[in-house]
């Protein structure tokens, strides 16, 4: 985290993927524990929020793709 960078406190829900959420942003890796309050840079929070919003849409798209026998959807 850069000095003086704005942060936000959050608690990420625990998942079946383990006790951490891991990723990278602009070549910087991050590992955030789940189930406990943590302060994260605002830019990381924005990435996590975007991921949270797109995951349901991705699952819905994949369900349609699978239902179509893996065929390209128009």
N, C-alpha and C. Protein backbone atom coordinates (compact mmCIF):
# COMPACT_ATOMS: atom_id res chain seq x y z
N UNK A 1 0.84 -1.17 0.00
CA UNK A 1 0.00 0.00 0.00
C UNK A 1 0.88 1.24 0.00
N UNK A 2 0.55 2.20 -0.84
CA UNK A 2 1.32 3.42 -0.92
C UNK A 2 1.04 4.29 0.29
N UNK A 3 2.03 5.03 0.71
CA UNK A 3 1.90 5.91 1.86
C UNK A 3 0.79 6.92 1.62
N UNK A 4 -0.11 7.07 2.57
CA UNK A 4 -1.17 8.03 2.48
C UNK A 4 -2.33 7.63 1.58
N UNK A 5 -2.30 6.42 1.07
CA UNK A 5 -3.38 5.97 0.20
C UNK A 5 -4.65 5.74 1.01
N UNK A 6 -5.78 6.15 0.44
CA UNK A 6 -7.07 5.98 1.12
C UNK A 6 -7.40 4.49 1.24
N UNK A 7 -7.92 4.09 2.40
CA UNK A 7 -8.29 2.69 2.64
C UNK A 7 -9.76 2.60 3.04
N UNK A 8 -10.25 1.39 3.01
CA UNK A 8 -11.61 1.11 3.45
C UNK A 8 -11.56 -0.18 4.26
N UNK A 9 -12.31 -0.23 5.35
CA UNK A 9 -12.35 -1.43 6.19
C UNK A 9 -13.49 -2.32 5.70
N UNK A 10 -13.20 -3.59 5.56
CA UNK A 10 -14.22 -4.54 5.12
C UNK A 10 -13.96 -5.90 5.71
N UNK A 11 -14.97 -6.75 5.63
CA UNK A 11 -14.85 -8.15 6.02
C UNK A 11 -15.28 -8.97 4.81
N UNK A 12 -14.36 -9.69 4.22
CA UNK A 12 -14.69 -10.55 3.10
C UNK A 12 -15.30 -11.84 3.62
N UNK A 13 -16.38 -12.30 2.99
CA UNK A 13 -17.00 -13.54 3.46
C UNK A 13 -16.08 -14.75 3.23
N UNK A 14 -16.15 -15.69 4.15
CA UNK A 14 -15.39 -16.92 3.98
C UNK A 14 -16.00 -17.72 2.83
N UNK A 15 -15.14 -18.39 2.08
CA UNK A 15 -15.60 -19.19 0.94
C UNK A 15 -14.99 -20.57 1.00
N UNK A 16 -15.40 -21.42 0.07
CA UNK A 16 -14.83 -22.76 -0.03
C UNK A 16 -13.43 -22.73 -0.62
N UNK A 17 -12.98 -21.56 -1.09
CA UNK A 17 -11.67 -21.44 -1.73
C UNK A 17 -10.52 -21.25 -0.75
N UNK A 18 -10.81 -21.21 0.53
CA UNK A 18 -9.75 -21.07 1.51
C UNK A 18 -9.89 -19.81 2.33
N UNK A 19 -8.93 -19.58 3.23
CA UNK A 19 -9.04 -18.47 4.17
C UNK A 19 -8.59 -17.12 3.61
N UNK A 20 -8.30 -17.04 2.32
CA UNK A 20 -7.81 -15.80 1.71
C UNK A 20 -8.47 -15.56 0.36
N UNK A 21 -8.52 -14.30 -0.03
CA UNK A 21 -8.83 -13.90 -1.40
C UNK A 21 -7.52 -13.38 -1.97
N UNK A 22 -7.09 -13.94 -3.08
CA UNK A 22 -5.83 -13.56 -3.66
C UNK A 22 -6.05 -13.02 -5.07
N UNK A 23 -5.19 -12.11 -5.47
CA UNK A 23 -5.29 -11.55 -6.81
C UNK A 23 -4.10 -10.66 -7.08
N UNK A 24 -4.21 -9.89 -8.15
CA UNK A 24 -3.16 -8.95 -8.53
C UNK A 24 -3.81 -7.74 -9.17
N UNK A 25 -3.21 -6.60 -8.97
CA UNK A 25 -3.67 -5.35 -9.56
C UNK A 25 -2.45 -4.58 -10.03
N UNK A 26 -2.38 -4.34 -11.32
CA UNK A 26 -1.25 -3.62 -11.91
C UNK A 26 0.09 -4.25 -11.51
N UNK A 27 0.13 -5.57 -11.52
CA UNK A 27 1.37 -6.28 -11.22
C UNK A 27 1.69 -6.42 -9.75
N UNK A 28 0.82 -5.94 -8.87
CA UNK A 28 1.04 -6.06 -7.43
C UNK A 28 0.08 -7.12 -6.89
N UNK A 29 0.66 -8.16 -6.31
CA UNK A 29 -0.15 -9.24 -5.75
C UNK A 29 -0.74 -8.82 -4.41
N UNK A 30 -1.94 -9.35 -4.13
CA UNK A 30 -2.52 -9.12 -2.81
C UNK A 30 -3.14 -10.41 -2.30
N UNK A 31 -3.19 -10.52 -0.99
CA UNK A 31 -3.75 -11.67 -0.29
C UNK A 31 -4.49 -11.14 0.92
N UNK A 32 -5.82 -11.22 0.89
CA UNK A 32 -6.64 -10.63 1.94
C UNK A 32 -7.34 -11.74 2.72
N UNK A 33 -7.17 -11.78 4.03
CA UNK A 33 -7.84 -12.82 4.82
C UNK A 33 -9.35 -12.62 4.80
N UNK A 34 -10.09 -13.72 4.89
CA UNK A 34 -11.54 -13.67 4.93
C UNK A 34 -12.03 -13.83 6.36
N UNK A 35 -13.23 -13.31 6.63
CA UNK A 35 -13.86 -13.50 7.93
C UNK A 35 -13.37 -12.59 9.04
N UNK A 36 -12.46 -11.67 8.75
CA UNK A 36 -11.96 -10.75 9.76
C UNK A 36 -11.92 -9.34 9.18
N UNK A 37 -12.05 -8.31 10.02
CA UNK A 37 -11.97 -6.94 9.50
C UNK A 37 -10.55 -6.63 9.02
N UNK A 38 -10.44 -6.05 7.83
CA UNK A 38 -9.15 -5.64 7.28
C UNK A 38 -9.32 -4.29 6.58
N UNK A 39 -8.25 -3.51 6.57
CA UNK A 39 -8.22 -2.26 5.82
C UNK A 39 -7.52 -2.55 4.49
N UNK A 40 -8.17 -2.22 3.39
CA UNK A 40 -7.58 -2.43 2.08
C UNK A 40 -7.58 -1.11 1.32
N UNK A 41 -6.61 -0.93 0.43
CA UNK A 41 -6.61 0.27 -0.39
C UNK A 41 -7.90 0.37 -1.20
N UNK A 42 -8.37 1.58 -1.38
CA UNK A 42 -9.62 1.81 -2.11
C UNK A 42 -9.56 1.21 -3.51
N UNK A 43 -8.41 1.24 -4.16
CA UNK A 43 -8.31 0.67 -5.51
C UNK A 43 -8.50 -0.84 -5.50
N UNK A 44 -8.06 -1.53 -4.45
CA UNK A 44 -8.28 -2.97 -4.33
C UNK A 44 -9.76 -3.24 -4.06
N UNK A 45 -10.35 -2.43 -3.19
CA UNK A 45 -11.78 -2.57 -2.90
C UNK A 45 -12.60 -2.47 -4.19
N UNK A 46 -12.27 -1.52 -5.05
CA UNK A 46 -13.01 -1.34 -6.29
C UNK A 46 -12.91 -2.58 -7.18
N UNK A 47 -11.74 -3.19 -7.23
CA UNK A 47 -11.56 -4.42 -8.01
C UNK A 47 -12.41 -5.54 -7.42
N UNK A 48 -12.42 -5.67 -6.10
CA UNK A 48 -13.21 -6.70 -5.44
C UNK A 48 -14.70 -6.49 -5.70
N UNK A 49 -15.16 -5.25 -5.64
CA UNK A 49 -16.57 -4.94 -5.89
C UNK A 49 -16.95 -5.28 -7.33
N UNK A 50 -16.10 -4.93 -8.27
CA UNK A 50 -16.40 -5.24 -9.68
C UNK A 50 -16.48 -6.75 -9.88
N UNK A 51 -15.59 -7.47 -9.24
CA UNK A 51 -15.60 -8.93 -9.33
C UNK A 51 -16.89 -9.49 -8.75
N UNK A 52 -17.31 -8.94 -7.61
CA UNK A 52 -18.54 -9.40 -6.96
C UNK A 52 -19.75 -9.19 -7.87
N UNK A 53 -19.77 -8.07 -8.58
CA UNK A 53 -20.90 -7.77 -9.46
C UNK A 53 -20.88 -8.63 -10.73
N UNK A 54 -19.71 -8.95 -11.23
CA UNK A 54 -19.64 -9.70 -12.49
C UNK A 54 -19.72 -11.21 -12.30
N UNK A 55 -19.41 -11.73 -11.13
CA UNK A 55 -19.46 -13.17 -10.90
C UNK A 55 -20.84 -13.77 -11.19
N UNK A 56 -21.94 -13.20 -10.67
CA UNK A 56 -23.26 -13.78 -10.99
C UNK A 56 -23.56 -13.75 -12.48
N UNK A 57 -23.17 -12.68 -13.17
CA UNK A 57 -23.40 -12.61 -14.62
C UNK A 57 -22.58 -13.67 -15.34
N UNK A 58 -21.36 -13.90 -14.90
CA UNK A 58 -20.52 -14.93 -15.52
C UNK A 58 -21.11 -16.31 -15.32
N UNK A 59 -21.59 -16.58 -14.10
CA UNK A 59 -22.20 -17.89 -13.83
C UNK A 59 -23.44 -18.10 -14.68
N UNK A 60 -24.25 -17.05 -14.85
CA UNK A 60 -25.45 -17.14 -15.66
C UNK A 60 -25.08 -17.41 -17.13
N UNK A 61 -24.06 -16.72 -17.63
CA UNK A 61 -23.62 -16.93 -19.01
C UNK A 61 -23.11 -18.36 -19.20
N UNK A 62 -22.31 -18.85 -18.25
CA UNK A 62 -21.78 -20.21 -18.35
C UNK A 62 -22.89 -21.24 -18.28
N UNK A 63 -23.91 -21.00 -17.48
CA UNK A 63 -25.03 -21.94 -17.40
C UNK A 63 -25.71 -22.04 -18.76
N UNK A 64 -25.91 -20.91 -19.44
CA UNK A 64 -26.49 -20.92 -20.77
C UNK A 64 -25.59 -21.61 -21.78
N UNK A 65 -24.30 -21.38 -21.68
CA UNK A 65 -23.33 -22.01 -22.58
C UNK A 65 -23.35 -23.52 -22.40
N UNK A 66 -23.36 -23.97 -21.16
CA UNK A 66 -23.38 -25.40 -20.86
C UNK A 66 -24.68 -26.03 -21.32
N UNK A 67 -25.79 -25.33 -21.07
CA UNK A 67 -27.10 -25.84 -21.49
C UNK A 67 -27.19 -25.97 -23.01
N UNK A 68 -26.44 -25.15 -23.72
CA UNK A 68 -26.45 -25.18 -25.19
C UNK A 68 -25.46 -26.22 -25.71
N UNK A 69 -24.96 -27.07 -24.85
CA UNK A 69 -24.01 -28.11 -25.26
C UNK A 69 -22.64 -27.56 -25.58
N UNK A 70 -22.31 -26.42 -24.99
CA UNK A 70 -20.99 -25.83 -25.22
C UNK A 70 -20.91 -25.12 -26.57
N UNK A 71 -22.04 -24.82 -27.16
CA UNK A 71 -22.04 -24.14 -28.46
C UNK A 71 -21.94 -22.63 -28.26
N UNK A 72 -21.41 -21.97 -29.24
CA UNK A 72 -21.29 -20.51 -29.18
C UNK A 72 -22.69 -19.90 -29.12
N UNK A 73 -22.87 -18.99 -28.19
CA UNK A 73 -24.15 -18.31 -28.04
C UNK A 73 -24.13 -17.01 -28.82
N UNK A 74 -25.25 -16.66 -29.43
CA UNK A 74 -25.29 -15.39 -30.17
C UNK A 74 -25.91 -14.31 -29.33
